[in-house]
Protein backbone atom coordinates (compact mmCIF):
# COMPACT_ATOMS: atom_id res chain seq x y z
CA MET A 1 -0.16 -0.05 0.11
CA PRO A 2 1.31 3.29 -0.89
CA ARG A 3 2.51 5.50 2.17
CA SER A 4 0.93 8.45 1.42
CA VAL A 5 -2.97 5.92 1.63
CA CYS A 6 -1.36 4.70 4.79
CA CYS A 7 -0.81 8.23 6.33
CA VAL A 8 -4.38 9.15 5.76
CA PHE A 9 -6.09 6.19 6.48
CA ARG A 10 -3.74 6.76 9.81
CA VAL A 11 -4.76 10.44 10.56
CA CYS A 12 -8.52 9.06 9.69
CA HIS A 13 -8.06 6.84 12.49
CA VAL A 14 -6.97 9.02 14.90
CA LEU A 15 -9.86 11.78 13.83
CA LEU A 16 -12.25 8.86 14.25
CA LEU A 17 -10.94 8.27 18.19
CA ILE A 18 -11.17 11.63 18.87
CA VAL A 19 -15.01 11.68 18.15
CA LEU A 20 -15.59 8.94 19.84
CA CYS A 21 -13.78 9.65 23.37
CA ALA A 22 -15.82 13.14 22.52
CA VAL A 23 -19.36 11.11 22.36
CA GLN A 24 -18.79 9.03 25.50
CA ALA A 25 -17.15 11.36 27.20
CA PRO A 26 -19.92 13.13 29.85
CA LEU A 27 -20.82 16.59 29.31
CA ALA A 28 -19.73 19.15 31.52
CA PRO A 29 -22.58 20.81 32.92
CA VAL A 30 -22.72 24.18 31.60
CA PRO A 31 -23.21 26.54 34.46
CA PRO A 32 -26.16 29.16 34.97
CA PRO A 33 -25.24 32.68 33.91
CA PRO A 34 -24.75 35.03 36.51
CA PRO A 35 -27.30 37.46 37.79
CA PRO A 36 -27.31 40.96 36.80
CA PRO A 37 -25.43 42.91 39.34
CA ASP A 38 -28.10 45.00 39.96
CA ALA A 39 -30.43 42.13 40.79
CA PRO A 40 -31.94 41.48 44.25
CA PRO A 41 -31.15 38.37 46.01
CA PRO A 42 -34.14 35.99 45.32
CA ASP A 43 -36.87 35.64 47.96
CA ASP A 44 -36.58 31.70 48.47
CA ASP A 45 -38.89 30.38 51.33
CA ASP A 46 -36.57 27.82 51.66
CA VAL A 47 -33.91 30.31 52.31
CA ASP A 48 -34.26 32.20 55.52
CA ASP A 49 -31.27 32.69 57.26
CA ALA A 50 -29.23 35.20 58.55
CA ALA A 51 -26.73 34.93 55.54
CA ALA A 52 -29.64 35.45 53.51
CA HIS A 53 -31.17 38.11 55.24
CA ASP A 54 -27.15 40.19 55.53
CA SER A 55 -27.09 39.66 51.75
CA ARG A 56 -30.33 41.74 51.29
CA VAL A 57 -29.14 43.95 53.65
CA VAL A 58 -25.85 44.31 51.54
CA PHE A 59 -27.67 44.48 48.31
CA TRP A 60 -30.25 47.45 49.20
CA LEU A 61 -26.74 48.93 50.85
CA ARG A 62 -25.30 49.23 47.63
CA LYS A 63 -28.23 50.31 46.23
CA LEU A 64 -29.35 53.58 47.97
CA ALA A 65 -25.77 54.53 47.79
CA ARG A 66 -26.39 55.08 44.23
CA ALA A 67 -30.20 55.52 43.89
CA GLY A 68 -30.20 59.49 43.89
CA ASP A 69 -33.73 60.51 45.08
CA ILE A 70 -35.68 57.62 43.36
CA LEU A 71 -35.12 54.40 44.25
CA ASP A 72 -36.71 52.29 41.12
CA VAL A 73 -37.11 48.65 41.60
CA TYR A 74 -40.17 48.19 39.38
CA ASP A 75 -40.91 44.72 39.00
CA ASN A 76 -37.93 42.98 40.82
CA HIS A 77 -39.26 40.14 42.22
CA ILE A 78 -38.11 40.84 45.46
CA GLY A 79 -40.69 39.34 47.97
CA PRO A 80 -41.49 39.74 51.44
CA LYS A 81 -37.74 39.21 52.89
CA GLY A 82 -36.96 41.72 50.28
CA ALA A 83 -39.26 44.46 51.48
CA VAL A 84 -38.50 43.73 55.23
CA ALA A 85 -34.67 43.94 54.40
CA LEU A 86 -35.63 47.41 52.72
CA ALA A 87 -37.77 48.72 55.61
CA GLU A 88 -34.84 48.01 58.18
CA VAL A 89 -31.84 49.42 56.01
CA LEU A 90 -34.14 52.50 55.44
CA GLN A 91 -34.96 52.88 59.28
CA LEU A 92 -31.31 52.30 60.02
CA ALA A 93 -29.04 53.49 57.68
CA ASN A 94 -30.59 57.23 58.15
CA ASN A 95 -31.07 57.48 54.75
CA THR A 96 -31.79 61.44 53.46
CA SER A 97 -31.30 61.06 49.66
CA VAL A 98 -34.64 58.89 48.67
CA THR A 99 -37.66 61.01 48.29
CA ALA A 100 -39.44 58.57 46.22
CA LEU A 101 -39.86 54.54 45.86
CA LEU A 102 -41.31 52.78 43.44
CA LEU A 103 -41.98 49.16 44.16
CA ASP A 104 -44.83 47.76 42.08
CA PHE A 105 -44.88 44.86 40.79
CA ASN A 106 -43.02 42.47 43.75
CA ASN A 107 -45.04 40.71 45.61
CA ILE A 108 -44.29 42.17 48.74
CA GLY A 109 -47.18 40.68 50.12
CA PRO A 110 -48.60 41.57 53.53
CA GLU A 111 -45.36 40.81 55.70
CA GLY A 112 -43.14 43.14 53.31
CA THR A 113 -46.14 45.91 53.43
CA VAL A 114 -46.27 46.19 57.31
CA ALA A 115 -42.36 46.48 57.51
CA LEU A 116 -42.58 49.47 54.78
CA ALA A 117 -45.71 50.55 56.66
CA GLU A 118 -43.71 50.62 59.68
CA MET A 119 -40.15 52.29 58.24
CA LEU A 120 -42.62 55.19 56.63
CA ALA A 121 -44.48 55.90 59.79
CA SER A 122 -41.37 57.90 61.16
CA ASN A 123 -39.46 58.36 57.80
CA ILE A 124 -39.04 61.92 57.12
CA THR A 125 -37.65 62.29 53.78
CA ILE A 126 -39.87 60.08 51.44
CA THR A 127 -42.71 61.81 50.08
CA GLU A 128 -43.61 59.30 47.22
CA VAL A 129 -44.65 55.38 46.88
CA ALA A 130 -45.61 53.18 44.60
CA LEU A 131 -46.65 49.73 45.66
CA GLY A 132 -49.12 48.60 42.84
CA ASP A 133 -49.66 45.02 42.57
CA ASN A 134 -47.53 43.62 45.79
CA ASN A 135 -50.95 41.35 46.57
CA PHE A 136 -50.99 42.70 50.56
CA GLY A 137 -55.04 42.62 51.00
CA PRO A 138 -56.24 44.30 53.89
CA ARG A 139 -53.54 43.54 56.15
CA GLY A 140 -51.29 45.70 54.76
CA ALA A 141 -53.70 48.48 54.09
CA VAL A 142 -54.68 48.64 57.60
CA ALA A 143 -50.60 48.59 58.21
CA LEU A 144 -50.72 51.77 55.61
CA GLY A 145 -53.93 53.40 57.16
CA SER A 146 -51.87 53.08 61.23
CA MET A 147 -49.12 54.78 59.45
CA LEU A 148 -50.78 57.83 57.80
CA LYS A 149 -52.08 58.60 61.52
CA ARG A 150 -48.33 59.13 62.05
CA ASN A 151 -46.07 60.05 59.20
CA SER A 152 -46.22 63.94 58.24
CA THR A 153 -43.97 63.89 54.52
CA LEU A 154 -45.68 61.45 52.26
CA THR A 155 -47.56 63.30 50.00
CA LYS A 156 -48.10 60.89 47.23
CA LEU A 157 -49.38 57.05 47.64
CA SER A 158 -50.27 54.36 45.07
CA ILE A 159 -51.62 51.06 45.99
CA ASP A 160 -53.99 50.17 43.13
CA ASP A 161 -54.56 46.02 42.66
CA ASN A 162 -53.79 44.77 46.04
CA ASN A 163 -57.16 43.34 46.75
CA ILE A 164 -57.57 45.77 50.28
CA ARG A 165 -61.24 45.25 50.30
CA ASP A 166 -63.69 47.13 52.45
CA GLU A 167 -61.83 46.37 55.30
CA GLY A 168 -58.45 48.08 53.75
CA ALA A 169 -60.40 50.89 52.53
CA ILE A 170 -62.11 51.67 55.94
CA ALA A 171 -58.32 51.48 57.42
CA LEU A 172 -57.12 53.90 55.33
CA ALA A 173 -59.93 56.33 55.30
CA GLU A 174 -59.16 56.06 59.37
CA GLY A 175 -55.67 57.16 58.42
CA LEU A 176 -56.49 59.85 56.44
CA THR A 177 -58.62 61.60 58.91
CA GLN A 178 -55.38 62.23 60.66
CA ASN A 179 -53.24 62.78 58.27
CA SER A 180 -53.14 66.50 56.56
CA THR A 181 -49.91 65.85 54.22
CA LEU A 182 -50.93 63.65 51.42
CA THR A 183 -52.59 64.87 48.31
CA TYR A 184 -52.88 62.26 45.80
CA LEU A 185 -54.23 58.60 46.68
CA PHE A 186 -54.32 55.98 43.67
CA ILE A 187 -56.56 53.24 44.74
CA GLY A 188 -57.27 52.02 41.16
CA GLU A 189 -59.11 48.49 41.71
CA ASN A 190 -59.15 47.14 44.58
CA ASN A 191 -62.13 45.10 45.41
CA ILE A 192 -63.75 47.95 47.70
CA GLY A 193 -67.45 47.12 48.71
CA HIS A 194 -70.08 50.39 49.00
CA GLU A 195 -69.12 50.24 52.67
CA GLY A 196 -65.39 50.97 51.99
CA ALA A 197 -65.76 53.61 49.39
CA MET A 198 -68.54 55.45 51.45
CA ALA A 199 -65.52 55.48 54.22
CA LEU A 200 -63.20 57.29 51.57
CA ALA A 201 -65.94 59.07 50.12
CA GLU A 202 -66.80 60.82 53.35
CA VAL A 203 -63.32 61.55 54.01
CA TYR A 204 -62.72 63.24 50.64
CA GLN A 205 -65.62 65.01 50.99
CA ARG A 206 -64.09 66.94 54.21
CA SER A 207 -60.59 67.46 52.49
CA THR A 208 -60.10 70.58 50.58
CA THR A 209 -56.74 69.28 49.33
CA LEU A 210 -57.12 65.24 49.15
CA SER A 211 -57.23 64.00 45.63
CA ILE A 212 -58.39 60.70 45.12
CA PHE A 213 -58.20 58.32 42.12
CA ILE A 214 -60.44 55.42 42.54
CA ALA A 215 -62.19 52.79 40.11
CA GLY A 216 -65.16 49.78 40.27
CA ILE A 217 -67.07 51.81 43.25
CA SER A 218 -70.84 52.04 44.04
CA GLN A 219 -72.73 54.81 42.65
CA PRO A 220 -73.88 56.67 46.01
CA ALA A 221 -70.27 56.56 46.87
CA ALA A 222 -68.94 58.09 43.45
CA ASP A 223 -71.86 60.69 43.83
CA ILE A 224 -70.43 61.80 46.78
CA PHE A 225 -67.11 62.03 45.12
CA TYR A 226 -68.47 63.99 42.03
CA GLY A 227 -70.87 66.21 44.27
CA CYS A 228 -67.75 67.84 45.48
CA GLY A 229 -67.06 69.33 42.74
CA ARG A 230 -63.13 68.50 41.84
CA THR A 231 -62.68 66.42 38.80
CA THR A 232 -60.23 64.40 40.17
CA VAL A 233 -62.01 61.27 40.81
CA SER A 234 -61.81 58.92 37.50
CA PHE A 235 -61.20 55.36 35.86
CA LEU A 236 -57.33 54.74 36.34
CA CYS A 237 -56.48 53.09 32.77
CA VAL A 238 -54.57 49.82 32.96
CA PHE A 239 -51.52 51.02 31.26
CA ARG A 240 -49.29 51.24 34.24
CA VAL A 241 -47.76 54.42 32.80
CA CYS A 242 -50.14 55.83 36.01
CA HIS A 243 -47.26 56.15 38.90
CA VAL A 244 -46.83 58.42 41.71
CA LEU A 245 -43.44 58.97 40.05
CA LEU A 246 -44.97 59.71 36.67
CA PRO A 247 -47.15 62.82 37.49
CA ASN A 248 -47.40 64.56 34.30
CA ALA A 249 -48.94 60.80 32.47
CA VAL A 250 -51.61 60.91 35.13
CA SER A 251 -53.62 63.86 32.82
CA CYS A 252 -53.20 61.28 30.16
CA CYS A 253 -54.63 58.42 32.27
CA VAL A 254 -57.56 60.22 33.88
CA GLY A 255 -60.75 61.35 32.05
CA GLY A 256 -64.02 61.00 33.10
CA GLY A 257 -64.17 63.39 35.85
CA ARG A 258 -66.82 66.12 35.68
């Protein structure tokens, strides 16, 4: 057999062995991609130790250090534990730069909302808070109502789509009777019945500075709102541009007042 043909066979044989070894060798697992540098630690129910809590605290300390005046954590799935850690940091770090919290779509639940409400009760720098779509229900609304009795800084609060129902609405109304600084309350759809809507309507009727944006309420309550002669009560559009941190967009989304 010519030498050139032998060389070709040998090369093919070596290549075949390499292919067979590659096929038989187990593939090394591909490591998961690292989380983005600005992503919050996961809110894992199975991980609730001191180290996990400390990692959340460190994350918020770093976040606050470069947040400026608006802390924007919109739709980051921080969960209840992340909200508790954030409240702790804002309470203890004596942060005076952040004046607005944008925390919609984070599923912080009642636990996270209670922690944030306790922090806000004594906070003197935060003026705007958005907590829409966080699934905190009546319990979270009760905590926010209690906060309003003590807070003297907050001017805008958004809590749309949290299923606060009558119990939460009544608690908010009670808090508003002892609050003189809140000027905008965005409630949207919250499954509020006649009793809760009437409680809010009565507070609105007595106030000359408070604007309440609400939807899906009973006709008698709506009549009280409209009877005040202020065109601040209407149906919020579903599009999430209607946040307290985007006041210029509100007039585009709210309509139907008279």
